[in-house]
């Protein structure tokens, strides 16, 4: 049998767990884009951003199995471990969420998972 202090501690732990589960559910439903800033050319390297646009080009890299997506407002780097799971094609409208990084002096958005590229509209 628990004494009153142990019971209170157990109830506090259960309440904290419940709050964490609720927050996790909300974050999962909203997705990562809800917590990202809108991308602009002024976005600093290291910032977590989101951009919506039409894919103008989908280009595999010459080595490494990576993928480059060109949007009107941004270039997107998709690492090899994610590239195989990206169904988006040129002409599709997508929402991309990732981290701004510099590559050879040029800004690009680097995604971390397939969930960071959400297809809004596909071409037929």
C-alpha atoms as a PDB file:
ATOM      1  CA  UNK A   1       0.000   0.000   0.000  1.00  0.00           C
ATOM      2  CA  UNK A   2       1.259   3.473  -0.859  1.00  0.00           C
ATOM      3  CA  UNK A   3       1.467   6.144   1.772  1.00  0.00           C
ATOM      4  CA  UNK A   4       0.021   9.585   0.850  1.00  0.00           C
ATOM      5  CA  UNK A   5       3.382  11.017  -0.299  1.00  0.00           C
ATOM      6  CA  UNK A   6       4.055   8.027  -2.551  1.00  0.00           C
ATOM      7  CA  UNK A   7       0.530   8.227  -3.942  1.00  0.00           C
ATOM      8  CA  UNK A   8       0.997  11.945  -4.693  1.00  0.00           C
ATOM      9  CA  UNK A   9       4.331  11.251  -6.393  1.00  0.00           C
ATOM     10  CA  UNK A  10       2.782   8.467  -8.496  1.00  0.00           C
ATOM     11  CA  UNK A  11      -0.102  10.738  -9.507  1.00  0.00           C
ATOM     12  CA  UNK A  12       2.316  13.531 -10.471  1.00  0.00           C
ATOM     13  CA  UNK A  13       4.363  11.118 -12.587  1.00  0.00           C
ATOM     14  CA  UNK A  14       1.228   9.772 -14.266  1.00  0.00           C
ATOM     15  CA  UNK A  15       0.050  13.334 -14.952  1.00  0.00           C
ATOM     16  CA  UNK A  16       3.423  14.315 -16.422  1.00  0.00           C
ATOM     17  CA  UNK A  17       3.378  11.224 -18.654  1.00  0.00           C
ATOM     18  CA  UNK A  18      -0.136  12.070 -19.834  1.00  0.00           C
ATOM     19  CA  UNK A  19       0.893  15.647 -20.672  1.00  0.00           C
ATOM     20  CA  UNK A  20       3.927  14.388 -22.622  1.00  0.00           C
ATOM     21  CA  UNK A  21       1.750  11.961 -24.594  1.00  0.00           C
ATOM     22  CA  UNK A  22      -0.728  14.724 -25.437  1.00  0.00           C
ATOM     23  CA  UNK A  23       2.059  17.075 -26.578  1.00  0.00           C
ATOM     24  CA  UNK A  24       3.606  14.279 -28.654  1.00  0.00           C
ATOM     25  CA  UNK A  25       0.237  13.639 -30.306  1.00  0.00           C
ATOM     26  CA  UNK A  26      -0.220  17.320 -31.124  1.00  0.00           C
ATOM     27  CA  UNK A  27       3.284  17.592 -32.594  1.00  0.00           C
ATOM     28  CA  UNK A  28       2.711  14.444 -34.656  1.00  0.00           C
ATOM     29  CA  UNK A  29      -0.589  15.728 -36.049  1.00  0.00           C
ATOM     30  CA  UNK A  30       0.731  19.214 -36.840  1.00  0.00           C
ATOM     31  CA  UNK A  31       3.939  17.948 -38.417  1.00  0.00           C
ATOM     32  CA  UNK A  32       7.336  19.592 -38.434  1.00  0.00           C
ATOM     33  CA  UNK A  33       6.312  22.438 -40.765  1.00  0.00           C
ATOM     34  CA  UNK A  34       4.185  23.954 -37.996  1.00  0.00           C
ATOM     35  CA  UNK A  35       7.338  24.699 -36.007  1.00  0.00           C
ATOM     36  CA  UNK A  36       9.477  26.016 -38.862  1.00  0.00           C
ATOM     37  CA  UNK A  37      10.004  29.596 -39.992  1.00  0.00           C
ATOM     38  CA  UNK A  38       9.042  30.545 -43.531  1.00  0.00           C
ATOM     39  CA  UNK A  39      12.105  30.276 -45.785  1.00  0.00           C
ATOM     40  CA  UNK A  40      13.494  33.386 -47.441  1.00  0.00           C
ATOM     41  CA  UNK A  41      16.862  34.103 -49.059  1.00  0.00           C
ATOM     42  CA  UNK A  42      17.712  35.966 -45.842  1.00  0.00           C
ATOM     43  CA  UNK A  43      17.194  32.849 -43.671  1.00  0.00           C
ATOM     44  CA  UNK A  44      20.469  32.223 -41.822  1.00  0.00           C
ATOM     45  CA  UNK A  45      22.355  28.939 -42.027  1.00  0.00           C
ATOM     46  CA  UNK A  46      21.233  26.593 -39.272  1.00  0.00           C
ATOM     47  CA  UNK A  47      17.659  27.856 -39.169  1.00  0.00           C
ATOM     48  CA  UNK A  48      14.753  25.400 -39.358  1.00  0.00           C
ATOM     49  CA  UNK A  49      12.530  26.489 -42.243  1.00  0.00           C
ATOM     50  CA  UNK A  50       9.629  25.499 -44.453  1.00  0.00           C
ATOM     51  CA  UNK A  51       8.974  26.421 -48.076  1.00  0.00           C
ATOM     52  CA  UNK A  52       6.090  25.653 -50.434  1.00  0.00           C
ATOM     53  CA  UNK A  53       6.669  25.503 -54.156  1.00  0.00           C
ATOM     54  CA  UNK A  54       6.586  23.639 -57.433  1.00  0.00           C
ATOM     55  CA  UNK A  55       9.458  21.287 -58.189  1.00  0.00           C
ATOM     56  CA  UNK A  56      11.146  22.683 -61.289  1.00  0.00           C
ATOM     57  CA  UNK A  57      13.785  19.936 -61.470  1.00  0.00           C
ATOM     58  CA  UNK A  58      14.543  16.648 -59.737  1.00  0.00           C
ATOM     59  CA  UNK A  59      18.202  15.807 -60.271  1.00  0.00           C
ATOM     60  CA  UNK A  60      20.115  12.845 -58.845  1.00  0.00           C
ATOM     61  CA  UNK A  61      23.699  13.653 -57.879  1.00  0.00           C
ATOM     62  CA  UNK A  62      26.491  12.127 -59.946  1.00  0.00           C
ATOM     63  CA  UNK A  63      27.791  10.240 -56.916  1.00  0.00           C
ATOM     64  CA  UNK A  64      26.431   9.258 -53.535  1.00  0.00           C
ATOM     65  CA  UNK A  65      22.809   8.607 -54.512  1.00  0.00           C
ATOM     66  CA  UNK A  66      21.623  11.979 -53.231  1.00  0.00           C
ATOM     67  CA  UNK A  67      18.842  14.018 -54.807  1.00  0.00           C
ATOM     68  CA  UNK A  68      18.542  17.726 -55.579  1.00  0.00           C
ATOM     69  CA  UNK A  69      15.128  19.346 -55.870  1.00  0.00           C
ATOM     70  CA  UNK A  70      14.952  22.775 -57.451  1.00  0.00           C
ATOM     71  CA  UNK A  71      12.051  24.997 -56.407  1.00  0.00           C
ATOM     72  CA  UNK A  72      11.510  28.556 -57.612  1.00  0.00           C
ATOM     73  CA  UNK A  73      12.509  29.950 -54.203  1.00  0.00           C
ATOM     74  CA  UNK A  74      14.974  27.355 -52.906  1.00  0.00           C
ATOM     75  CA  UNK A  75      17.218  24.410 -53.648  1.00  0.00           C
ATOM     76  CA  UNK A  76      16.619  21.280 -51.597  1.00  0.00           C
ATOM     77  CA  UNK A  77      19.240  18.630 -50.808  1.00  0.00           C
ATOM     78  CA  UNK A  78      17.845  15.167 -50.116  1.00  0.00           C
ATOM     79  CA  UNK A  79      20.451  12.773 -48.629  1.00  0.00           C
ATOM     80  CA  UNK A  80      20.770   9.279 -50.099  1.00  0.00           C
ATOM     81  CA  UNK A  81      19.124   7.587 -47.100  1.00  0.00           C
ATOM     82  CA  UNK A  82      16.002   9.710 -47.708  1.00  0.00           C
ATOM     83  CA  UNK A  83      16.089  10.057 -51.515  1.00  0.00           C
ATOM     84  CA  UNK A  84      14.694   6.589 -52.237  1.00  0.00           C
ATOM     85  CA  UNK A  85      11.536   7.364 -50.259  1.00  0.00           C
ATOM     86  CA  UNK A  86      10.684  10.653 -52.000  1.00  0.00           C
ATOM     87  CA  UNK A  87       7.884  10.181 -54.548  1.00  0.00           C
ATOM     88  CA  UNK A  88       7.754  13.851 -55.598  1.00  0.00           C
ATOM     89  CA  UNK A  89       8.426  14.569 -59.273  1.00  0.00           C
ATOM     90  CA  UNK A  90       9.060  17.687 -61.345  1.00  0.00           C
ATOM     91  CA  UNK A  91       5.821  19.656 -61.545  1.00  0.00           C
ATOM     92  CA  UNK A  92       4.531  18.538 -58.138  1.00  0.00           C
ATOM     93  CA  UNK A  93       3.703  21.180 -55.538  1.00  0.00           C
ATOM     94  CA  UNK A  94       5.414  20.338 -52.250  1.00  0.00           C
ATOM     95  CA  UNK A  95       5.980  21.642 -48.746  1.00  0.00           C
ATOM     96  CA  UNK A  96       9.603  21.099 -47.746  1.00  0.00           C
ATOM     97  CA  UNK A  97      10.822  21.433 -44.171  1.00  0.00           C
ATOM     98  CA  UNK A  98      14.482  21.297 -43.217  1.00  0.00           C
ATOM     99  CA  UNK A  99      17.596  23.083 -42.067  1.00  0.00           C
ATOM    100  CA  UNK A 100      19.260  25.836 -44.079  1.00  0.00           C
ATOM    101  CA  UNK A 101      22.883  24.958 -44.848  1.00  0.00           C
ATOM    102  CA  UNK A 102      25.560  26.468 -47.039  1.00  0.00           C
ATOM    103  CA  UNK A 103      27.113  24.339 -49.774  1.00  0.00           C
ATOM    104  CA  UNK A 104      29.854  25.971 -51.804  1.00  0.00           C
ATOM    105  CA  UNK A 105      28.600  29.369 -50.683  1.00  0.00           C
ATOM    106  CA  UNK A 106      25.011  28.753 -51.772  1.00  0.00           C
ATOM    107  CA  UNK A 107      22.061  28.190 -49.436  1.00  0.00           C
ATOM    108  CA  UNK A 108      20.065  24.991 -49.622  1.00  0.00           C
ATOM    109  CA  UNK A 109      17.463  23.327 -47.450  1.00  0.00           C
ATOM    110  CA  UNK A 110      18.581  19.934 -46.180  1.00  0.00           C
ATOM    111  CA  UNK A 111      15.849  17.471 -45.247  1.00  0.00           C
ATOM    112  CA  UNK A 112      16.288  14.767 -42.609  1.00  0.00           C
ATOM    113  CA  UNK A 113      13.457  12.340 -43.377  1.00  0.00           C
ATOM    114  CA  UNK A 114      10.902  11.534 -46.088  1.00  0.00           C
ATOM    115  CA  UNK A 115       8.250  13.207 -43.908  1.00  0.00           C
ATOM    116  CA  UNK A 116      10.035  16.530 -44.477  1.00  0.00           C
ATOM    117  CA  UNK A 117       8.765  16.548 -48.086  1.00  0.00           C
ATOM    118  CA  UNK A 118       4.985  16.594 -48.317  1.00  0.00           C
ATOM    119  CA  UNK A 119       3.368  16.471 -51.758  1.00  0.00           C
ATOM    120  CA  UNK A 120       0.391  18.848 -51.989  1.00  0.00           C
ATOM    121  CA  UNK A 121      -0.487  18.452 -55.671  1.00  0.00           C
ATOM    122  CA  UNK A 122       0.834  15.974 -58.210  1.00  0.00           C
ATOM    123  CA  UNK A 123       0.958  16.354 -61.945  1.00  0.00           C
ATOM    124  CA  UNK A 124      -1.068  13.927 -64.015  1.00  0.00           C
END
